[in-house]
Amino acid sequence: MRTTAAGALGLETSLLQSGMGGVAGTELACAVSEAGAAGCAGGYKLVGGALSAMLERLTAGTDRPVGVNLIPEVVEPAALDRQVAQVLDETPQRVYLSFFGMPKDAVLARLAAAGRRTVVQVGTVEDGVRAAALSTVVVAQGIEAGGHLLGASLRDDLVGALRTLAPEACLVAAGGIGSPEEAARAVAAGADGVLLGTAFVVARESRAHARFKSAVTGAEAGDTVITDVYEIGWPGRRHRVLATAVTADPHQPAKFIGRTVVEGKPYLVARFSAAVPTEATSGRIEEMALYCGNSCGAITDEVPAADVVAAYAPVLPGAAVAKNRERAKSHAG
């Protein structure tokens, strides 16, 4: 039976936060979950002690449903298996797993057998139909989205196609949603909830660098471009970013332009790196990958994550909606 995203994940409102690597730390994820939506920490390539440290902070920061986002295409299958095993072993059932792109069927089967809820973000109809059969929630990402793009369809077109082919699936729309009005349009197109990324980049709890946040709040949709120049660390995937000197001239040398720290470990940042500038990054921030969706024109202020959730909640279905529908059907029977 079709349900809302809130009903599927045990939330108060059908709003998911994108698990953006680097930007979406445990502070942001926990703040979003505490506000009644689905927070999600970016797992990216973390494994072993670094992942354990993040999971410990995540589970200590909230007792509500919260997620960990993993990216199958940027790690070897063995590393993904280890990441999944760590989440299963080190977190309670309320921690769901979110995948950016389709993992192997066996991965989702393993999580289903363990009783874990799963969210899979897709960009094509083919992947969406497959994910609908294997996961709890399917996120349909349109090309309006910031960050890496999983397909070439507009958001509402993809939602509509998947709703036709998978009528009972819990579908969440992603891409270009920067206002409650746009979220309402996505729900009207057939979505059971929405996922926000860019709106949370500028949340106070986000780890995005201050100059990154300022660039987003000052931008319009026309300031974004789809490119493939930020490929070091994540090759072969187009991405939507704010236009920079690097997107304008992709023939510059791939020299080091900054430094950053991830889970206490220092790294150099090369020009064309997929790494996002965080509060722990220094150097030429304005040349780095400033992932940003078409929604930026409607996002003008840095606000607490709870305020973002509160602004969208009135136009999104909550858990009570699913319960009321089930109650009505029961009485009708």
C-alpha atoms as a PDB file:
ATOM      1  CA  MET A   1       0.000   0.000   0.000  1.00  0.00           C
ATOM      2  CA  ARG A   2       1.330   3.441  -0.945  1.00  0.00           C
ATOM      3  CA  THR A   3       2.377   5.614   1.967  1.00  0.00           C
ATOM      4  CA  THR A   4       3.906   9.008   2.554  1.00  0.00           C
ATOM      5  CA  ALA A   5       7.617   9.461   3.122  1.00  0.00           C
ATOM      6  CA  ALA A   6       6.764  10.364   6.714  1.00  0.00           C
ATOM      7  CA  GLY A   7       4.882   7.117   7.188  1.00  0.00           C
ATOM      8  CA  ALA A   8       7.582   5.064   5.498  1.00  0.00           C
ATOM      9  CA  LEU A   9      10.426   6.432   7.631  1.00  0.00           C
ATOM     10  CA  GLY A  10       8.600   7.214  10.869  1.00  0.00           C
ATOM     11  CA  LEU A  11       8.749  11.006  10.542  1.00  0.00           C
ATOM     12  CA  GLU A  12       6.494  13.904  11.417  1.00  0.00           C
ATOM     13  CA  THR A  13       6.719  15.399   7.935  1.00  0.00           C
ATOM     14  CA  SER A  14       7.650  14.027   4.530  1.00  0.00           C
ATOM     15  CA  LEU A  15      10.891  15.963   4.155  1.00  0.00           C
ATOM     16  CA  LEU A  16      14.300  14.387   3.587  1.00  0.00           C
ATOM     17  CA  GLN A  17      17.661  16.135   3.834  1.00  0.00           C
ATOM     18  CA  SER A  18      20.281  15.200   1.261  1.00  0.00           C
ATOM     19  CA  GLY A  19      23.307  13.416   2.738  1.00  0.00           C
ATOM     20  CA  MET A  20      25.824  15.696   1.073  1.00  0.00           C
ATOM     21  CA  GLY A  21      29.390  14.546   1.650  1.00  0.00           C
ATOM     22  CA  GLY A  22      31.354  17.056   3.702  1.00  0.00           C
ATOM     23  CA  VAL A  23      28.461  19.489   4.079  1.00  0.00           C
ATOM     24  CA  ALA A  24      26.012  17.142   5.799  1.00  0.00           C
ATOM     25  CA  GLY A  25      27.739  16.346   9.043  1.00  0.00           C
ATOM     26  CA  THR A  26      26.101  14.902  12.117  1.00  0.00           C
ATOM     27  CA  GLU A  27      25.192  18.356  13.433  1.00  0.00           C
ATOM     28  CA  LEU A  28      22.979  19.056  10.420  1.00  0.00           C
ATOM     29  CA  ALA A  29      21.540  15.535  10.253  1.00  0.00           C
ATOM     30  CA  CYS A  30      20.584  15.514  13.921  1.00  0.00           C
ATOM     31  CA  ALA A  31      19.079  19.007  13.764  1.00  0.00           C
ATOM     32  CA  VAL A  32      16.867  18.016  10.831  1.00  0.00           C
ATOM     33  CA  SER A  33      15.742  14.811  12.528  1.00  0.00           C
ATOM     34  CA  GLU A  34      15.051  16.599  15.799  1.00  0.00           C
ATOM     35  CA  ALA A  35      12.789  18.946  13.830  1.00  0.00           C
ATOM     36  CA  GLY A  36      10.676  15.997  12.651  1.00  0.00           C
ATOM     37  CA  ALA A  37      12.128  15.377   9.182  1.00  0.00           C
ATOM     38  CA  ALA A  38      14.750  12.891   7.935  1.00  0.00           C
ATOM     39  CA  GLY A  39      18.267  14.077   8.618  1.00  0.00           C
ATOM     40  CA  CYS A  40      21.091  12.297   6.837  1.00  0.00           C
ATOM     41  CA  ALA A  41      24.861  12.380   7.371  1.00  0.00           C
ATOM     42  CA  GLY A  42      27.184  12.012   4.410  1.00  0.00           C
ATOM     43  CA  GLY A  43      29.176   8.796   4.653  1.00  0.00           C
ATOM     44  CA  TYR A  44      30.953   9.226   1.291  1.00  0.00           C
ATOM     45  CA  LYS A  45      34.204   7.185   1.487  1.00  0.00           C
ATOM     46  CA  LEU A  46      34.385   6.936   5.280  1.00  0.00           C
ATOM     47  CA  VAL A  47      35.184   3.460   6.603  1.00  0.00           C
ATOM     48  CA  GLY A  48      36.720   1.932   9.707  1.00  0.00           C
ATOM     49  CA  GLY A  49      37.492   4.255  12.597  1.00  0.00           C
ATOM     50  CA  ALA A  50      36.458   7.414  10.744  1.00  0.00           C
ATOM     51  CA  LEU A  51      33.011   5.997   9.980  1.00  0.00           C
ATOM     52  CA  SER A  52      32.658   4.669  13.523  1.00  0.00           C
ATOM     53  CA  ALA A  53      33.379   8.114  14.952  1.00  0.00           C
ATOM     54  CA  MET A  54      30.711   9.668  12.735  1.00  0.00           C
ATOM     55  CA  LEU A  55      28.152   6.982  13.605  1.00  0.00           C
ATOM     56  CA  GLU A  56      28.788   7.467  17.301  1.00  0.00           C
ATOM     57  CA  ARG A  57      28.101  11.208  17.034  1.00  0.00           C
ATOM     58  CA  LEU A  58      25.035  10.587  14.897  1.00  0.00           C
ATOM     59  CA  THR A  59      23.349   8.162  17.266  1.00  0.00           C
ATOM     60  CA  ALA A  60      24.236  10.267  20.293  1.00  0.00           C
ATOM     61  CA  GLY A  61      22.799  13.410  18.695  1.00  0.00           C
ATOM     62  CA  THR A  62      19.219  12.271  18.213  1.00  0.00           C
ATOM     63  CA  ASP A  63      16.914   9.434  19.204  1.00  0.00           C
ATOM     64  CA  ARG A  64      14.739   9.958  16.112  1.00  0.00           C
ATOM     65  CA  PRO A  65      14.995   8.363  12.654  1.00  0.00           C
ATOM     66  CA  VAL A  66      18.170   9.548  10.938  1.00  0.00           C
ATOM     67  CA  GLY A  67      20.162   8.334   7.958  1.00  0.00           C
ATOM     68  CA  VAL A  68      23.629   7.626   6.631  1.00  0.00           C
ATOM     69  CA  ASN A  69      24.228   8.298   2.952  1.00  0.00           C
ATOM     70  CA  LEU A  70      26.539   6.028   0.933  1.00  0.00           C
ATOM     71  CA  ILE A  71      27.619   6.301  -2.704  1.00  0.00           C
ATOM     72  CA  PRO A  72      28.135   2.918  -4.391  1.00  0.00           C
ATOM     73  CA  GLU A  73      29.932   4.265  -7.439  1.00  0.00           C
ATOM     74  CA  VAL A  74      32.780   5.992  -5.581  1.00  0.00           C
ATOM     75  CA  VAL A  75      33.940   2.993  -3.535  1.00  0.00           C
ATOM     76  CA  GLU A  76      34.868  -0.579  -4.366  1.00  0.00           C
ATOM     77  CA  PRO A  77      32.150  -3.196  -3.672  1.00  0.00           C
ATOM     78  CA  ALA A  78      34.149  -4.590  -0.744  1.00  0.00           C
ATOM     79  CA  ALA A  79      34.397  -1.133   0.812  1.00  0.00           C
ATOM     80  CA  LEU A  80      30.654  -0.561   0.392  1.00  0.00           C
ATOM     81  CA  ASP A  81      29.983  -3.920   2.042  1.00  0.00           C
ATOM     82  CA  ARG A  82      32.191  -2.861   4.933  1.00  0.00           C
ATOM     83  CA  GLN A  83      30.393   0.472   5.239  1.00  0.00           C
ATOM     84  CA  VAL A  84      27.015  -1.271   5.290  1.00  0.00           C
ATOM     85  CA  ALA A  85      28.247  -3.800   7.844  1.00  0.00           C
ATOM     86  CA  GLN A  86      29.455  -1.021  10.119  1.00  0.00           C
ATOM     87  CA  VAL A  87      26.135   0.788   9.998  1.00  0.00           C
ATOM     88  CA  LEU A  88      24.279  -2.443  10.766  1.00  0.00           C
ATOM     89  CA  ASP A  89      26.630  -3.384  13.590  1.00  0.00           C
ATOM     90  CA  GLU A  90      27.099   0.022  15.180  1.00  0.00           C
ATOM     91  CA  THR A  91      23.706   1.734  14.970  1.00  0.00           C
ATOM     92  CA  PRO A  92      20.135   1.033  16.130  1.00  0.00           C
ATOM     93  CA  GLN A  93      17.236   0.201  13.808  1.00  0.00           C
ATOM     94  CA  ARG A  94      16.110   3.829  13.623  1.00  0.00           C
ATOM     95  CA  VAL A  95      19.166   4.626  11.488  1.00  0.00           C
ATOM     96  CA  TYR A  96      18.199   4.145   7.842  1.00  0.00           C
ATOM     97  CA  LEU A  97      20.591   3.774   4.929  1.00  0.00           C
ATOM     98  CA  SER A  98      20.452   6.127   1.979  1.00  0.00           C
ATOM     99  CA  PHE A  99      22.161   5.367  -1.323  1.00  0.00           C
ATOM    100  CA  PHE A 100      23.027   7.926  -3.980  1.00  0.00           C
ATOM    101  CA  GLY A 101      22.633   5.732  -7.046  1.00  0.00           C
ATOM    102  CA  MET A 102      21.683   2.090  -7.219  1.00  0.00           C
ATOM    103  CA  PRO A 103      23.680  -0.402  -5.153  1.00  0.00           C
ATOM    104  CA  LYS A 104      23.726  -4.090  -6.047  1.00  0.00           C
ATOM    105  CA  ASP A 105      20.455  -5.922  -5.389  1.00  0.00           C
ATOM    106  CA  ALA A 106      22.238  -8.063  -2.800  1.00  0.00           C
ATOM    107  CA  VAL A 107      23.043  -4.976  -0.728  1.00  0.00           C
ATOM    108  CA  LEU A 108      19.401  -3.939  -0.522  1.00  0.00           C
ATOM    109  CA  ALA A 109      18.329  -7.535   0.136  1.00  0.00           C
ATOM    110  CA  ARG A 110      20.791  -7.712   3.032  1.00  0.00           C
ATOM    111  CA  LEU A 111      19.349  -4.557   4.564  1.00  0.00           C
ATOM    112  CA  ALA A 112      15.768  -5.735   4.102  1.00  0.00           C
ATOM    113  CA  ALA A 113      16.630  -8.983   5.861  1.00  0.00           C
ATOM    114  CA  ALA A 114      18.071  -6.941   8.725  1.00  0.00           C
ATOM    115  CA  GLY A 115      14.873  -4.905   8.975  1.00  0.00           C
ATOM    116  CA  ARG A 116      16.537  -1.646   7.948  1.00  0.00           C
ATOM    117  CA  ARG A 117      14.683   1.005   6.006  1.00  0.00           C
ATOM    118  CA  THR A 118      16.426   2.133   2.825  1.00  0.00           C
ATOM    119  CA  VAL A 119      16.287   5.202   0.611  1.00  0.00           C
ATOM    120  CA  VAL A 120      17.653   5.022  -2.938  1.00  0.00           C
ATOM    121  CA  GLN A 121      18.133   8.113  -5.093  1.00  0.00           C
ATOM    122  CA  VAL A 122      17.838   7.577  -8.851  1.00  0.00           C
ATOM    123  CA  GLY A 123      17.824   9.649 -12.015  1.00  0.00           C
ATOM    124  CA  THR A 124      16.296   7.262 -14.542  1.00  0.00           C
ATOM    125  CA  VAL A 125      13.009   5.428 -14.910  1.00  0.00           C
ATOM    126  CA  GLU A 126      14.794   2.077 -15.193  1.00  0.00           C
ATOM    127  CA  ASP A 127      16.639   2.529 -11.899  1.00  0.00           C
ATOM    128  CA  GLY A 128      13.525   3.925 -10.257  1.00  0.00           C
ATOM    129  CA  VAL A 129      11.424   0.885 -11.083  1.00  0.00           C
ATOM    130  CA  ARG A 130      14.175  -1.393  -9.826  1.00  0.00           C
ATOM    131  CA  ALA A 131      14.598   0.621  -6.628  1.00  0.00           C
ATOM    132  CA  ALA A 132      10.845   0.606  -6.016  1.00  0.00           C
ATOM    133  CA  ALA A 133      10.900  -3.182  -5.801  1.00  0.00           C
ATOM    134  CA  LEU A 134      13.840  -3.299  -3.384  1.00  0.00           C
ATOM    135  CA  SER A 135      13.814  -0.202  -1.146  1.00  0.00           C
ATOM    136  CA  THR A 136      11.563   1.658   1.281  1.00  0.00           C
ATOM    137  CA  VAL A 137      11.713   5.054  -0.439  1.00  0.00           C
ATOM    138  CA  VAL A 138      12.726   6.051  -3.976  1.00  0.00           C
ATOM    139  CA  VAL A 139      14.082   9.571  -4.513  1.00  0.00           C
ATOM    140  CA  ALA A 140      13.523  10.792  -8.076  1.00  0.00           C
ATOM    141  CA  GLN A 141      16.257  13.327  -8.857  1.00  0.00           C
ATOM    142  CA  GLY A 142      15.686  15.815 -11.656  1.00  0.00           C
ATOM    143  CA  ILE A 143      18.400  17.727 -13.479  1.00  0.00           C
ATOM    144  CA  GLU A 144      17.358  20.857 -11.590  1.00  0.00           C
ATOM    145  CA  ALA A 145      19.282  19.434  -8.619  1.00  0.00           C
ATOM    146  CA  GLY A 146      22.634  20.638  -7.389  1.00  0.00           C
ATOM    147  CA  GLY A 147      25.549  18.239  -7.067  1.00  0.00           C
ATOM    148  CA  HIS A 148      26.066  15.106  -9.093  1.00  0.00           C
ATOM    149  CA  LEU A 149      23.317  14.191 -11.541  1.00  0.00           C
ATOM    150  CA  LEU A 150      22.024  10.652 -11.911  1.00  0.00           C
ATOM    151  CA  GLY A 151      20.020  11.193 -15.087  1.00  0.00           C
ATOM    152  CA  ALA A 152      18.793  13.670 -17.679  1.00  0.00           C
ATOM    153  CA  SER A 153      15.086  14.078 -16.831  1.00  0.00           C
ATOM    154  CA  LEU A 154      13.250  16.999 -15.329  1.00  0.00           C
ATOM    155  CA  ARG A 155      12.075  16.288 -11.783  1.00  0.00           C
ATOM    156  CA  ASP A 156       8.325  16.224 -12.326  1.00  0.00           C
ATOM    157  CA  ASP A 157       8.654  14.253 -15.573  1.00  0.00           C
ATOM    158  CA  LEU A 158      10.613  11.549 -13.734  1.00  0.00           C
ATOM    159  CA  VAL A 159       8.170  11.498 -10.812  1.00  0.00           C
ATOM    160  CA  GLY A 160       5.237  11.201 -13.214  1.00  0.00           C
ATOM    161  CA  ALA A 161       6.790   8.363 -15.179  1.00  0.00           C
ATOM    162  CA  LEU A 162       7.666   6.425 -12.041  1.00  0.00           C
ATOM    163  CA  ARG A 163       4.233   6.992 -10.523  1.00  0.00           C
ATOM    164  CA  THR A 164       2.698   5.380 -13.606  1.00  0.00           C
ATOM    165  CA  LEU A 165       5.033   2.374 -13.571  1.00  0.00           C
ATOM    166  CA  ALA A 166       5.273   1.956  -9.789  1.00  0.00           C
ATOM    167  CA  PRO A 167       1.925   3.228  -8.474  1.00  0.00           C
ATOM    168  CA  GLU A 168       2.403   1.902  -4.936  1.00  0.00           C
ATOM    169  CA  ALA A 169       5.977   3.113  -4.485  1.00  0.00           C
ATOM    170  CA  CYS A 170       6.866   5.817  -1.969  1.00  0.00           C
ATOM    171  CA  LEU A 171       8.341   8.484  -4.259  1.00  0.00           C
ATOM    172  CA  VAL A 172      10.245  11.538  -3.068  1.00  0.00           C
ATOM    173  CA  ALA A 173      11.001  14.388  -5.465  1.00  0.00           C
ATOM    174  CA  ALA A 174      14.423  16.073  -5.587  1.00  0.00           C
ATOM    175  CA  GLY A 175      15.783  18.936  -7.648  1.00  0.00           C
ATOM    176  CA  GLY A 176      15.024  22.636  -7.845  1.00  0.00           C
ATOM    177  CA  ILE A 177      12.937  22.796  -4.661  1.00  0.00           C
ATOM    178  CA  GLY A 178      13.755  26.046  -2.893  1.00  0.00           C
ATOM    179  CA  SER A 179      10.345  27.099  -1.585  1.00  0.00           C
ATOM    180  CA  PRO A 180       7.244  25.523  -0.048  1.00  0.00           C
ATOM    181  CA  GLU A 181       5.348  26.449  -3.205  1.00  0.00           C
ATOM    182  CA  GLU A 182       7.758  24.415  -5.332  1.00  0.00           C
ATOM    183  CA  ALA A 183       7.489  21.526  -2.878  1.00  0.00           C
ATOM    184  CA  ALA A 184       3.695  21.643  -3.214  1.00  0.00           C
ATOM    185  CA  ARG A 185       4.062  21.445  -6.996  1.00  0.00           C
ATOM    186  CA  ALA A 186       6.220  18.341  -6.669  1.00  0.00           C
ATOM    187  CA  VAL A 187       3.607  16.694  -4.444  1.00  0.00           C
ATOM    188  CA  ALA A 188       0.895  17.625  -6.943  1.00  0.00           C
ATOM    189  CA  ALA A 189       2.975  15.917  -9.652  1.00  0.00           C
ATOM    190  CA  GLY A 190       2.781  12.637  -7.713  1.00  0.00           C
ATOM    191  CA  ALA A 191       5.493  12.782  -5.050  1.00  0.00           C
ATOM    192  CA  ASP A 192       4.951  11.495  -1.513  1.00  0.00           C
ATOM    193  CA  GLY A 193       7.503  13.935  -0.098  1.00  0.00           C
ATOM    194  CA  VAL A 194      10.527  15.992  -1.096  1.00  0.00           C
ATOM    195  CA  LEU A 195      14.281  15.931  -0.596  1.00  0.00           C
ATOM    196  CA  LEU A 196      16.186  19.197  -0.143  1.00  0.00           C
ATOM    197  CA  GLY A 197      19.893  19.725  -0.693  1.00  0.00           C
ATOM    198  CA  THR A 198      20.728  23.325  -1.552  1.00  0.00           C
ATOM    199  CA  ALA A 199      18.325  24.682   1.076  1.00  0.00           C
ATOM    200  CA  PHE A 200      20.303  22.804   3.728  1.00  0.00           C
ATOM    201  CA  VAL A 201      23.718  23.818   2.369  1.00  0.00           C
ATOM    202  CA  VAL A 202      23.079  27.241   3.875  1.00  0.00           C
ATOM    203  CA  ALA A 203      21.555  25.995   7.141  1.00  0.00           C
ATOM    204  CA  ARG A 204      23.446  27.171  10.216  1.00  0.00           C
ATOM    205  CA  GLU A 205      24.320  23.585  11.161  1.00  0.00           C
ATOM    206  CA  SER A 206      25.744  22.851   7.703  1.00  0.00           C
ATOM    207  CA  ARG A 207      29.511  22.428   7.463  1.00  0.00           C
ATOM    208  CA  ALA A 208      29.673  24.335   4.181  1.00  0.00           C
ATOM    209  CA  HIS A 209      32.355  27.031   4.118  1.00  0.00           C
ATOM    210  CA  ALA A 210      31.011  30.520   4.869  1.00  0.00           C
ATOM    211  CA  ARG A 211      31.978  31.743   1.391  1.00  0.00           C
ATOM    212  CA  PHE A 212      30.178  28.762  -0.152  1.00  0.00           C
ATOM    213  CA  LYS A 213      27.022  29.644   1.800  1.00  0.00           C
ATOM    214  CA  SER A 214      27.293  33.288   0.784  1.00  0.00           C
ATOM    215  CA  ALA A 215      27.692  32.338  -2.875  1.00  0.00           C
ATOM    216  CA  VAL A 216      24.538  30.207  -2.750  1.00  0.00           C
ATOM    217  CA  THR A 217      22.357  32.802  -1.021  1.00  0.00           C
ATOM    218  CA  GLY A 218      23.492  35.427  -3.520  1.00  0.00           C
ATOM    219  CA  ALA A 219      22.928  33.294  -6.610  1.00  0.00           C
ATOM    220  CA  GLU A 220      20.135  32.868  -9.149  1.00  0.00           C
ATOM    221  CA  ALA A 221      19.326  29.735 -11.131  1.00  0.00           C
ATOM    222  CA  GLY A 222      21.139  31.176 -14.140  1.00  0.00           C
ATOM    223  CA  ASP A 223      24.362  31.251 -12.149  1.00  0.00           C
ATOM    224  CA  THR A 224      24.520  27.440 -12.114  1.00  0.00           C
ATOM    225  CA  VAL A 225      26.001  25.254 -14.831  1.00  0.00           C
ATOM    226  CA  ILE A 226      26.044  21.541 -15.581  1.00  0.00           C
ATOM    227  CA  THR A 227      29.619  20.402 -16.132  1.00  0.00           C
ATOM    228  CA  ASP A 228      31.983  17.499 -15.563  1.00  0.00           C
ATOM    229  CA  VAL A 229      35.105  19.434 -14.600  1.00  0.00           C
ATOM    230  CA  TYR A 230      35.142  18.551 -10.883  1.00  0.00           C
ATOM    231  CA  GLU A 231      36.038  14.938 -11.499  1.00  0.00           C
ATOM    232  CA  ILE A 232      38.975  14.178  -9.191  1.00  0.00           C
ATOM    233  CA  GLY A 233      37.593  11.715  -6.677  1.00  0.00           C
ATOM    234  CA  TRP A 234      34.350  11.206  -8.585  1.00  0.00           C
ATOM    235  CA  PRO A 235      34.931  10.751 -12.320  1.00  0.00           C
ATOM    236  CA  GLY A 236      32.372  10.202 -15.054  1.00  0.00           C
ATOM    237  CA  ARG A 237      29.413  11.979 -13.474  1.00  0.00           C
ATOM    238  CA  ARG A 238      28.032  15.367 -14.517  1.00  0.00           C
ATOM    239  CA  HIS A 239      27.286  17.839 -11.752  1.00  0.00           C
ATOM    240  CA  ARG A 240      25.456  21.137 -11.290  1.00  0.00           C
ATOM    241  CA  VAL A 241      27.580  23.806  -9.614  1.00  0.00           C
ATOM    242  CA  LEU A 242      27.830  27.557  -9.428  1.00  0.00           C
ATOM    243  CA  ALA A 243      29.841  28.874 -12.360  1.00  0.00           C
ATOM    244  CA  THR A 244      33.462  29.502 -11.383  1.00  0.00           C
ATOM    245  CA  ALA A 245      36.761  30.361 -13.031  1.00  0.00           C
ATOM    246  CA  VAL A 246      37.364  26.614 -13.217  1.00  0.00           C
ATOM    247  CA  THR A 247      34.128  25.848 -15.088  1.00  0.00           C
ATOM    248  CA  ALA A 248      34.920  28.754 -17.431  1.00  0.00           C
ATOM    249  CA  ASP A 249      38.417  27.450 -18.206  1.00  0.00           C
ATOM    250  CA  PRO A 250      38.725  23.678 -17.674  1.00  0.00           C
ATOM    251  CA  HIS A 251      42.168  23.602 -19.279  1.00  0.00           C
ATOM    252  CA  GLN A 252      44.024  25.036 -16.298  1.00  0.00           C
ATOM    253  CA  PRO A 253      46.638  22.874 -14.558  1.00  0.00           C
ATOM    254  CA  ALA A 254      45.310  20.518 -11.889  1.00  0.00           C
ATOM    255  CA  LYS A 255      47.518  21.934  -9.161  1.00  0.00           C
ATOM    256  CA  PHE A 256      46.732  22.116  -5.444  1.00  0.00           C
ATOM    257  CA  ILE A 257      44.591  25.125  -4.524  1.00  0.00           C
ATOM    258  CA  GLY A 258      43.728  24.416  -0.899  1.00  0.00           C
ATOM    259  CA  ARG A 259      43.696  22.197   2.159  1.00  0.00           C
ATOM    260  CA  THR A 260      40.931  20.515   4.130  1.00  0.00           C
ATOM    261  CA  VAL A 261      40.399  18.178   7.071  1.00  0.00           C
ATOM    262  CA  VAL A 262      38.064  15.156   7.143  1.00  0.00           C
ATOM    263  CA  GLU A 263      37.456  13.359  10.438  1.00  0.00           C
ATOM    264  CA  GLY A 264      40.689  14.808  11.805  1.00  0.00           C
ATOM    265  CA  LYS A 265      42.819  13.814   8.810  1.00  0.00           C
ATOM    266  CA  PRO A 266      44.377  16.561   6.608  1.00  0.00           C
ATOM    267  CA  TYR A 267      44.137  16.497   2.807  1.00  0.00           C
ATOM    268  CA  LEU A 268      45.306  18.689  -0.053  1.00  0.00           C
ATOM    269  CA  VAL A 269      42.601  19.903  -2.439  1.00  0.00           C
ATOM    270  CA  ALA A 270      43.459  19.945  -6.126  1.00  0.00           C
ATOM    271  CA  ARG A 271      41.832  22.117  -8.747  1.00  0.00           C
ATOM    272  CA  PHE A 272      39.057  19.969 -10.313  1.00  0.00           C
ATOM    273  CA  SER A 273      38.565  18.042  -7.062  1.00  0.00           C
ATOM    274  CA  ALA A 274      35.010  16.849  -6.333  1.00  0.00           C
ATOM    275  CA  ALA A 275      35.551  17.788  -2.684  1.00  0.00           C
ATOM    276  CA  VAL A 276      33.198  20.474  -1.427  1.00  0.00           C
ATOM    277  CA  PRO A 277      34.666  23.383   0.583  1.00  0.00           C
ATOM    278  CA  THR A 278      33.740  23.030   4.240  1.00  0.00           C
ATOM    279  CA  GLU A 279      34.421  25.040   7.363  1.00  0.00           C
ATOM    280  CA  ALA A 280      37.657  23.021   7.633  1.00  0.00           C
ATOM    281  CA  THR A 281      38.823  24.052   4.137  1.00  0.00           C
ATOM    282  CA  SER A 282      41.236  26.852   3.299  1.00  0.00           C
ATOM    283  CA  GLY A 283      42.574  28.174   0.018  1.00  0.00           C
ATOM    284  CA  ARG A 284      40.841  29.251  -3.189  1.00  0.00           C
ATOM    285  CA  ILE A 285      37.282  28.510  -2.086  1.00  0.00           C
ATOM    286  CA  GLU A 286      35.805  30.396  -5.048  1.00  0.00           C
ATOM    287  CA  GLU A 287      37.459  27.918  -7.462  1.00  0.00           C
ATOM    288  CA  MET A 288      36.229  24.785  -5.722  1.00  0.00           C
ATOM    289  CA  ALA A 289      33.121  22.693  -6.408  1.00  0.00           C
ATOM    290  CA  LEU A 290      30.232  24.870  -5.222  1.00  0.00           C
ATOM    291  CA  TYR A 291      27.388  22.424  -5.737  1.00  0.00           C
ATOM    292  CA  CYS A 292      24.124  24.305  -6.132  1.00  0.00           C
ATOM    293  CA  GLY A 293      20.692  23.583  -7.570  1.00  0.00           C
ATOM    294  CA  ASN A 294      18.278  25.734  -9.540  1.00  0.00           C
ATOM    295  CA  SER A 295      16.479  26.392  -6.259  1.00  0.00           C
ATOM    296  CA  CYS A 296      19.123  28.925  -5.196  1.00  0.00           C
ATOM    297  CA  GLY A 297      17.144  31.895  -6.461  1.00  0.00           C
ATOM    298  CA  ALA A 298      14.568  31.282  -3.732  1.00  0.00           C
ATOM    299  CA  ILE A 299      17.172  30.766  -0.983  1.00  0.00           C
ATOM    300  CA  THR A 300      18.433  34.060   0.401  1.00  0.00           C
ATOM    301  CA  ASP A 301      19.270  33.557   4.082  1.00  0.00           C
ATOM    302  CA  GLU A 302      21.245  31.305   6.394  1.00  0.00           C
ATOM    303  CA  VAL A 303      18.715  29.905   8.887  1.00  0.00           C
ATOM    304  CA  PRO A 304      18.579  27.058  11.421  1.00  0.00           C
ATOM    305  CA  ALA A 305      17.704  23.679   9.946  1.00  0.00           C
ATOM    306  CA  ALA A 306      14.589  23.538  12.116  1.00  0.00           C
ATOM    307  CA  ASP A 307      13.298  26.697  10.422  1.00  0.00           C
ATOM    308  CA  VAL A 308      13.701  25.064   7.006  1.00  0.00           C
ATOM    309  CA  VAL A 309      11.669  22.061   8.148  1.00  0.00           C
ATOM    310  CA  ALA A 310       9.000  24.265   9.728  1.00  0.00           C
ATOM    311  CA  ALA A 311       8.598  26.301   6.526  1.00  0.00           C
ATOM    312  CA  TYR A 312       7.948  23.224   4.396  1.00  0.00           C
ATOM    313  CA  ALA A 313       5.912  21.119   6.820  1.00  0.00           C
ATOM    314  CA  PRO A 314       2.525  22.774   6.104  1.00  0.00           C
ATOM    315  CA  VAL A 315       2.594  21.781   2.417  1.00  0.00           C
ATOM    316  CA  LEU A 316       3.923  18.254   2.890  1.00  0.00           C
ATOM    317  CA  PRO A 317       2.089  15.118   3.990  1.00  0.00           C
ATOM    318  CA  GLY A 318       2.842  13.964   7.515  1.00  0.00           C
ATOM    319  CA  ALA A 319       2.675  10.576   9.151  1.00  0.00           C
ATOM    320  CA  ALA A 320      -0.877  11.327  10.282  1.00  0.00           C
ATOM    321  CA  VAL A 321      -1.990  11.515   6.645  1.00  0.00           C
ATOM    322  CA  ALA A 322      -1.060   7.888   6.024  1.00  0.00           C
ATOM    323  CA  LYS A 323      -2.694   6.771   9.279  1.00  0.00           C
ATOM    324  CA  ASN A 324      -5.916   8.626   8.465  1.00  0.00           C
ATOM    325  CA  ARG A 325      -6.060   7.052   5.012  1.00  0.00           C
ATOM    326  CA  GLU A 326      -5.610   3.588   6.457  1.00  0.00           C
ATOM    327  CA  ARG A 327      -8.273   4.296   9.087  1.00  0.00           C
ATOM    328  CA  ALA A 328     -10.707   5.535   6.440  1.00  0.00           C
ATOM    329  CA  LYS A 329     -10.175   2.429   4.309  1.00  0.00           C
ATOM    330  CA  SER A 330     -10.689   0.236   7.353  1.00  0.00           C
ATOM    331  CA  HIS A 331     -13.978   1.911   8.191  1.00  0.00           C
ATOM    332  CA  ALA A 332     -15.103   1.731   4.559  1.00  0.00           C
ATOM    333  CA  GLY A 333     -14.434  -2.032   4.583  1.00  0.00           C
END
